[in-house]
Amino acid sequence: MDNLSTSIKLHNIRKLIVINHEDCGAAKIVNGKKEFNSTIEKKIHKDSFKKIKSIINRKFPELKINFKILSLKD
C-alpha cells in the first residue's frame, strides 16, 4: 500500500490494473485438496479481486481498478 500510495502521488496514477493468471499455484493452495478446475479457479480469482477492490477503495476511492485473468496459452 505504501508503494501504491507513493506511485499515485509521484506519477498521478488514476488507474490500477490487477492481473492474475490461469493455472495459478496460489489458487490451488487456497482451494486445498478439493477438486480443481477452471471454473473453480476463476471463482477464486474473482473472490480475491473483490477483496483487493474493497481494500484499495477504502484508501484510494478515486482510483479506477481493472482486473484481468491472464491466459498462459498462446
Protein backbone atom coordinates (compact mmCIF):
# COMPACT_ATOMS: atom_id res chain seq x y z
CA MET A 1 0.00 0.00 0.00
CA ASP A 2 2.86 2.35 0.72
CA ASN A 3 4.33 1.67 -2.71
CA LEU A 4 0.96 2.24 -4.38
CA SER A 5 0.41 5.45 -2.42
CA THR A 6 3.83 6.76 -3.41
CA SER A 7 3.28 5.83 -7.07
CA ILE A 8 -0.09 7.60 -7.12
CA LYS A 9 1.49 10.76 -5.73
CA LEU A 10 4.61 10.71 -7.92
CA HIS A 11 3.04 9.65 -11.20
CA ASN A 12 -0.55 10.86 -10.86
CA ILE A 13 -1.84 7.32 -11.33
CA ARG A 14 -5.60 7.16 -11.87
CA LYS A 15 -6.00 3.53 -12.89
CA LEU A 16 -4.67 0.28 -11.44
CA ILE A 17 -4.66 -2.98 -13.39
CA VAL A 18 -4.53 -6.13 -11.27
CA ILE A 19 -3.52 -9.29 -13.14
CA ASN A 20 -3.81 -12.89 -12.01
CA HIS A 21 -3.03 -15.83 -14.28
CA GLU A 22 -4.55 -19.18 -15.15
CA ASP A 23 -3.11 -22.39 -13.72
CA CYS A 24 -2.20 -20.46 -10.57
CA GLY A 25 -0.48 -22.41 -7.82
CA ALA A 26 -1.75 -20.00 -5.16
CA ALA A 27 -5.35 -20.61 -6.28
CA LYS A 28 -4.74 -24.34 -5.97
CA ILE A 29 -3.42 -23.86 -2.43
CA VAL A 30 -6.45 -21.72 -1.49
CA ASN A 31 -8.72 -24.45 -2.85
CA GLY A 32 -6.98 -27.12 -0.76
CA LYS A 33 -7.21 -30.75 -1.76
CA LYS A 34 -10.69 -30.39 -3.26
CA GLU A 35 -11.44 -30.90 -6.93
CA PHE A 36 -9.88 -28.14 -9.03
CA ASN A 37 -10.90 -26.93 -12.47
CA SER A 38 -11.01 -23.67 -14.44
CA THR A 39 -14.47 -22.74 -13.09
CA ILE A 40 -13.29 -23.11 -9.50
CA GLU A 41 -10.08 -21.24 -10.28
CA LYS A 42 -12.00 -18.32 -11.85
CA LYS A 43 -14.19 -18.09 -8.74
CA ILE A 44 -11.11 -18.00 -6.50
CA HIS A 45 -9.62 -15.21 -8.63
CA LYS A 46 -12.88 -13.24 -8.63
CA ASP A 47 -13.16 -13.57 -4.84
CA SER A 48 -9.60 -12.29 -4.44
CA PHE A 49 -10.38 -9.39 -6.81
CA LYS A 50 -13.37 -8.41 -4.64
CA LYS A 51 -11.18 -8.37 -1.53
CA ILE A 52 -8.47 -6.34 -3.25
CA LYS A 53 -11.04 -3.87 -4.59
CA SER A 54 -12.56 -3.40 -1.14
CA ILE A 55 -9.19 -2.75 0.49
CA ILE A 56 -7.97 -0.36 -2.21
CA ASN A 57 -11.28 1.53 -2.47
CA ARG A 58 -11.14 2.36 1.23
CA LYS A 59 -7.75 4.01 0.94
CA PHE A 60 -7.92 5.28 -2.67
CA PRO A 61 -11.62 5.76 -3.57
CA GLU A 62 -10.76 7.86 -6.65
CA LEU A 63 -8.59 5.12 -8.18
CA LYS A 64 -10.14 3.11 -11.01
CA ILE A 65 -9.31 -0.59 -10.87
CA ASN A 66 -9.40 -3.14 -13.69
CA PHE A 67 -8.98 -6.85 -13.11
CA LYS A 68 -7.73 -9.41 -15.64
CA ILE A 69 -7.04 -13.12 -15.62
CA LEU A 70 -4.15 -13.81 -17.98
CA SER A 71 -4.18 -16.90 -20.13
CA LEU A 72 -0.82 -18.65 -20.26
CA LYS A 73 -1.70 -20.29 -23.57
CA ASP A 74 -0.60 -18.83 -26.88
